[in-house]
Amino acid sequence: MIFNLNLFEDRHKGETCYILGDGPSLKEFDYNALRGYPSICCGMQAFHKDFDKIDVKYYSLVEPYLFYPDWMIVSKKLQYLKEHRIITNEFRKIISIKKNITFFLNLSNFLAIRNKNVAFAHRYLLKKNTKFFKFFEQEIDPFAGSFSATLSLALLFGFKKVYLLGFDAFTIKQSRQRWYEKTIDQEIRLFDNIHHKFLDLYKEEMEILNISSEGTMCNLKNEDYFRHTGSKPEFRENHELIAKESLELLKERFVNA
C-alpha cells in the first residue's frame, strides 16, 4: 500500500498518455489502432475484452468506501455501495492479478484493502504539492470524480500531452449511457461549446486533446479519431466488446448491460 502520492511525481515527465473513461463513444474505437502510449483507466475499463492490448499503467477507482465490506457500511447515505458489491469483489481479483498496474483508490478504503499495487488518493495527500496549489486556492478537489482524478494523476505523473477517450458526458454530449451498456435510443443533446473552468488549470501544464469522431464541444482541442488512428470508426455493441462471463457479471449490477 502506498500513502505518499508524491512518490509518483514526474514519473513520466514530458511523456504522452491516454486516459480512458466509460462513455458510449468507445463503442466505435478499436484499441488495437491506438498508439503505444501508457494509459490511465477508470470505471469499467478492466472488463473490456481488449483491455490487455493497451499499455495500462494506472487505474483510478476513487469512489469513497467502495471496498468496504457490507458489515462496515453503516451510514444510510452509503447503502447504495452494497449494490455494487459484485463488481468490487471482482475488482479485488483484478487488483490481485494485475500486479503490473497501480490502482489508485480513495483514502477511505485503507482499512478494507491491502494489496502492494494499491495507492491511496485524496485531496489532503496533495495539499503540499506545488502542482496543485491553484486547485486548493480555487477550492477545486483534484479527486472529485473519475474525470478529474485521472487528469490529476496525469498532472502528478508529469505527462505533458494527454489524449482523452470516452469522457463523452464532459466533452461531447449529455448522455448517461456507458460503453458496457446496450445502446438505447434516446434524445441526446450535444453540448454547445460548454466551458469547464476546472479544465483550464490542467491545461496550464498539459496539452489535452479529446479523441472523437463527433468533434469536441468543450474547452479542449479535438483530435479526429480517423486522423489519430488511421482507421474509420466502426460501431460495436457491448456484447462484442465484453467477454460473455464478464458481461453476465455486469448484467447483475447494471440493468442496461
Protein backbone atom coordinates (compact mmCIF):
# COMPACT_ATOMS: atom_id res chain seq x y z
CA MET A 1 0.00 0.00 0.00
CA ILE A 2 1.19 3.48 -0.85
CA PHE A 3 0.03 6.59 1.01
CA ASN A 4 2.58 9.08 -0.28
CA LEU A 5 1.37 10.33 -3.67
CA ASN A 6 4.48 12.45 -4.08
CA LEU A 7 6.41 9.25 -4.79
CA PHE A 8 4.78 9.33 -8.22
CA GLU A 9 5.63 12.95 -9.03
CA ASP A 10 7.15 13.44 -12.50
CA ARG A 11 7.50 9.69 -13.04
CA HIS A 12 6.51 10.31 -16.69
CA LYS A 13 7.84 13.84 -17.10
CA GLY A 14 7.39 15.13 -20.64
CA GLU A 15 5.66 11.96 -21.90
CA THR A 16 2.30 11.39 -23.62
CA CYS A 17 -0.53 9.22 -22.30
CA TYR A 18 -4.08 8.06 -22.92
CA ILE A 19 -6.87 8.41 -20.37
CA LEU A 20 -9.89 6.17 -20.93
CA GLY A 21 -13.34 6.71 -19.45
CA ASP A 22 -16.67 4.89 -19.85
CA GLY A 23 -18.51 6.97 -22.48
CA PRO A 24 -20.52 5.32 -25.30
CA SER A 25 -18.22 6.76 -27.99
CA LEU A 26 -15.79 3.95 -27.09
CA LYS A 27 -18.08 1.54 -28.92
CA GLU A 28 -16.62 2.95 -32.14
CA PHE A 29 -12.99 2.73 -31.06
CA ASP A 30 -10.55 -0.07 -31.84
CA TYR A 31 -7.98 -0.34 -29.05
CA ASN A 32 -5.63 -2.16 -31.43
CA ALA A 33 -5.40 1.03 -33.51
CA LEU A 34 -4.18 3.16 -30.61
CA ARG A 35 -0.55 4.15 -30.31
CA GLY A 36 1.71 2.63 -27.68
CA TYR A 37 1.35 5.35 -25.07
CA PRO A 38 0.93 4.42 -21.39
CA SER A 39 -2.70 4.56 -20.29
CA ILE A 40 -4.67 5.62 -17.23
CA CYS A 41 -8.07 3.94 -16.92
CA CYS A 42 -11.13 4.25 -14.72
CA GLY A 43 -14.65 2.89 -14.42
CA MET A 44 -15.34 -0.50 -16.03
CA GLN A 45 -12.43 -0.49 -18.47
CA ALA A 46 -10.97 -3.62 -16.89
CA PHE A 47 -13.91 -5.60 -18.35
CA HIS A 48 -13.19 -4.57 -21.95
CA LYS A 49 -12.00 -7.61 -23.88
CA ASP A 50 -9.13 -5.58 -25.38
CA PHE A 51 -8.01 -4.13 -22.03
CA ASP A 52 -4.75 -6.07 -22.16
CA LYS A 53 -3.95 -4.74 -25.64
CA ILE A 54 -3.27 -1.24 -24.34
CA ASP A 55 -0.41 -0.32 -22.01
CA VAL A 56 -2.37 0.30 -18.82
CA LYS A 57 -0.05 1.58 -16.11
CA TYR A 58 -2.59 3.09 -13.71
CA TYR A 59 -6.23 2.59 -12.75
CA SER A 60 -8.39 5.03 -10.82
CA LEU A 61 -11.29 3.94 -8.59
CA VAL A 62 -11.89 6.95 -6.35
CA GLU A 63 -15.38 6.29 -5.01
CA PRO A 64 -15.22 6.68 -1.20
CA TYR A 65 -15.65 3.48 0.84
CA LEU A 66 -16.03 1.44 -2.36
CA PHE A 67 -14.21 -1.62 -0.98
CA TYR A 68 -15.73 -1.63 2.49
CA PRO A 69 -17.47 -4.94 3.29
CA ASP A 70 -21.22 -4.69 3.84
CA TRP A 71 -20.96 -5.04 7.62
CA MET A 72 -18.81 -1.90 7.77
CA ILE A 73 -21.28 0.20 5.78
CA VAL A 74 -23.49 1.72 8.47
CA SER A 75 -24.38 5.14 7.10
CA LYS A 76 -27.69 5.32 5.22
CA LYS A 77 -26.04 7.51 2.60
CA LEU A 78 -23.64 4.69 1.72
CA GLN A 79 -26.11 1.82 1.44
CA TYR A 80 -26.01 2.09 -2.36
CA LEU A 81 -22.48 0.67 -2.25
CA LYS A 82 -23.87 -2.73 -1.29
CA GLU A 83 -25.50 -2.90 -4.74
CA HIS A 84 -22.02 -2.58 -6.23
CA ARG A 85 -20.54 -5.42 -4.20
CA ILE A 86 -20.46 -7.94 -7.04
CA ILE A 87 -18.31 -5.51 -9.04
CA THR A 88 -15.95 -4.56 -6.21
CA ASN A 89 -15.41 -8.23 -5.39
CA GLU A 90 -14.38 -8.77 -8.99
CA PHE A 91 -12.07 -5.77 -8.82
CA ARG A 92 -10.37 -7.32 -5.80
CA LYS A 93 -9.47 -10.26 -8.03
CA ILE A 94 -8.35 -7.97 -10.84
CA ILE A 95 -6.13 -5.95 -8.49
CA SER A 96 -4.52 -9.15 -7.22
CA ILE A 97 -3.91 -10.46 -10.74
CA LYS A 98 -2.79 -7.23 -12.46
CA LYS A 99 0.27 -6.63 -10.32
CA ASN A 100 1.86 -4.52 -13.07
CA ILE A 101 -0.91 -1.89 -12.70
CA THR A 102 -1.06 0.59 -9.82
CA PHE A 103 -4.64 1.05 -8.63
CA PHE A 104 -5.50 4.39 -7.04
CA LEU A 105 -8.33 4.11 -4.51
CA ASN A 106 -9.95 6.69 -2.30
CA LEU A 107 -8.12 7.02 1.02
CA SER A 108 -11.29 5.99 2.86
CA ASN A 109 -10.65 2.39 1.70
CA PHE A 110 -7.37 1.97 3.57
CA LEU A 111 -8.92 -0.37 6.14
CA ALA A 112 -10.54 -2.54 3.50
CA ILE A 113 -7.79 -3.44 1.04
CA ARG A 114 -4.05 -4.02 1.47
CA ASN A 115 -2.52 -5.01 -1.88
CA LYS A 116 1.01 -3.81 -2.66
CA ASN A 117 -0.09 -2.35 -6.02
CA VAL A 118 -2.71 -0.13 -4.35
CA ALA A 119 -2.07 3.56 -3.77
CA PHE A 120 -4.48 5.85 -1.97
CA ALA A 121 -5.71 9.15 -3.36
CA HIS A 122 -7.29 12.09 -1.59
CA ARG A 123 -7.05 15.87 -1.84
CA TYR A 124 -5.37 16.08 1.57
CA LEU A 125 -2.49 13.95 0.29
CA LEU A 126 -1.68 16.68 -2.26
CA LYS A 127 -2.05 19.73 -0.02
CA LYS A 128 1.70 20.42 -0.04
CA ASN A 129 2.31 19.57 -3.68
CA THR A 130 3.02 22.78 -5.62
CA LYS A 131 1.35 21.43 -8.76
CA PHE A 132 -2.00 21.64 -7.03
CA PHE A 133 -1.75 24.92 -5.12
CA LYS A 134 -4.07 26.68 -7.58
CA PHE A 135 -6.65 23.91 -7.21
CA PHE A 136 -6.89 24.46 -3.48
CA GLU A 137 -6.87 28.24 -3.88
CA GLN A 138 -9.96 27.88 -6.09
CA GLU A 139 -11.47 25.19 -3.84
CA ILE A 140 -11.31 22.54 -6.55
CA ASP A 141 -10.96 18.95 -5.39
CA PRO A 142 -8.42 17.15 -7.64
CA PHE A 143 -10.16 13.86 -6.90
CA ALA A 144 -13.79 14.97 -7.03
CA GLY A 145 -14.71 12.33 -9.59
CA SER A 146 -13.27 9.91 -12.13
CA PHE A 147 -12.59 12.54 -14.79
CA SER A 148 -10.76 15.00 -12.55
CA ALA A 149 -8.98 12.17 -10.70
CA THR A 150 -7.45 10.71 -13.85
CA LEU A 151 -6.38 14.16 -15.05
CA SER A 152 -4.88 14.90 -11.63
CA LEU A 153 -2.88 11.69 -11.77
CA ALA A 154 -1.60 12.59 -15.25
CA LEU A 155 -0.59 16.01 -13.93
CA LEU A 156 1.13 14.48 -10.91
CA PHE A 157 3.00 11.98 -13.10
CA GLY A 158 4.34 14.80 -15.26
CA PHE A 159 2.67 13.87 -18.54
CA LYS A 160 2.89 16.77 -20.99
CA LYS A 161 0.33 15.57 -23.54
CA VAL A 162 -2.90 13.74 -22.80
CA TYR A 163 -5.36 12.07 -25.16
CA LEU A 164 -8.84 11.55 -23.72
CA LEU A 165 -11.16 8.75 -24.85
CA GLY A 166 -14.67 8.10 -23.63
CA PHE A 167 -15.42 11.09 -21.42
CA ASP A 168 -18.47 11.98 -23.50
CA ALA A 169 -20.52 13.48 -20.66
CA PHE A 170 -17.89 16.21 -20.26
CA THR A 171 -16.66 16.64 -23.82
CA ILE A 172 -19.37 15.78 -26.34
CA LYS A 173 -22.96 15.29 -25.24
CA GLN A 174 -25.30 14.84 -22.34
CA SER A 175 -25.59 11.07 -22.12
CA ARG A 176 -25.85 8.72 -19.18
CA GLN A 177 -25.13 5.70 -21.34
CA ARG A 178 -21.90 3.76 -20.97
CA TRP A 179 -19.92 1.64 -23.41
CA TYR A 180 -20.66 -1.52 -21.41
CA GLU A 181 -24.43 -0.99 -21.66
CA LYS A 182 -26.74 -1.79 -24.56
CA THR A 183 -27.39 1.21 -26.79
CA ILE A 184 -30.78 2.73 -26.03
CA ASP A 185 -32.39 5.19 -28.42
CA GLN A 186 -32.88 8.47 -26.66
CA GLU A 187 -32.72 12.14 -27.44
CA ILE A 188 -29.21 13.28 -26.63
CA ARG A 189 -28.30 16.95 -26.86
CA LEU A 190 -24.82 17.89 -27.98
CA PHE A 191 -23.11 20.46 -25.81
CA ASP A 192 -23.00 23.99 -27.16
CA ASN A 193 -19.33 24.78 -26.52
CA ILE A 194 -19.57 24.34 -22.77
CA HIS A 195 -16.65 25.72 -20.74
CA HIS A 196 -15.42 23.65 -17.80
CA LYS A 197 -13.38 26.04 -15.68
CA PHE A 198 -11.54 23.30 -13.83
CA LEU A 199 -10.02 22.12 -17.12
CA ASP A 200 -8.18 25.41 -17.51
CA LEU A 201 -5.96 24.51 -14.54
CA TYR A 202 -4.89 21.24 -16.12
CA LYS A 203 -4.33 22.92 -19.48
CA GLU A 204 -1.75 25.24 -17.92
CA GLU A 205 0.59 22.26 -17.57
CA MET A 206 -0.65 19.71 -20.13
CA GLU A 207 -1.87 19.70 -23.72
CA ILE A 208 -5.20 17.86 -23.58
CA LEU A 209 -6.89 16.54 -26.70
CA ASN A 210 -10.20 14.70 -26.85
CA ILE A 211 -10.30 11.89 -29.42
CA SER A 212 -13.70 11.84 -31.10
CA SER A 213 -15.38 11.27 -34.44
CA GLU A 214 -18.10 13.76 -33.45
CA GLY A 215 -15.96 16.75 -32.54
CA THR A 216 -15.43 18.18 -29.07
CA MET A 217 -17.96 20.58 -27.58
CA CYS A 218 -15.97 21.97 -24.65
CA ASN A 219 -12.81 23.93 -23.94
CA LEU A 220 -10.49 21.17 -25.17
CA LYS A 221 -8.83 20.53 -28.51
CA ASN A 222 -10.34 17.82 -30.69
CA GLU A 223 -8.35 15.04 -32.32
CA ASP A 224 -10.32 13.26 -35.03
CA TYR A 225 -10.40 9.51 -34.45
CA PHE A 226 -9.51 8.65 -38.06
CA ARG A 227 -6.64 11.13 -38.10
CA HIS A 228 -5.26 9.70 -34.87
CA THR A 229 -5.58 6.00 -35.71
CA GLY A 230 -5.79 5.79 -39.49
CA SER A 231 -8.92 3.67 -39.02
CA LYS A 232 -12.55 4.57 -39.60
CA PRO A 233 -14.77 4.35 -36.51
CA GLU A 234 -16.74 1.11 -36.50
CA PHE A 235 -19.64 0.66 -34.10
CA ARG A 236 -19.78 -2.48 -31.97
CA GLU A 237 -22.42 -3.30 -29.37
CA ASN A 238 -21.49 -4.05 -25.75
CA HIS A 239 -21.69 -7.84 -26.18
CA GLU A 240 -18.99 -7.56 -28.86
CA LEU A 241 -16.67 -5.67 -26.50
CA ILE A 242 -17.03 -7.78 -23.37
CA ALA A 243 -16.39 -11.48 -22.81
CA LYS A 244 -19.57 -13.44 -22.09
CA GLU A 245 -18.63 -14.26 -18.49
CA SER A 246 -17.82 -10.62 -17.71
CA LEU A 247 -20.99 -9.38 -19.40
CA GLU A 248 -23.11 -11.73 -17.28
CA LEU A 249 -21.45 -10.30 -14.18
CA LEU A 250 -22.08 -6.70 -15.29
CA LYS A 251 -25.73 -7.53 -16.00
CA GLU A 252 -26.21 -8.41 -12.33
CA ARG A 253 -25.26 -4.86 -11.39
CA PHE A 254 -26.27 -2.70 -14.36
CA VAL A 255 -29.81 -3.02 -15.69
CA ASN A 256 -28.89 -1.96 -19.23
CA ALA A 257 -25.76 -4.11 -19.62
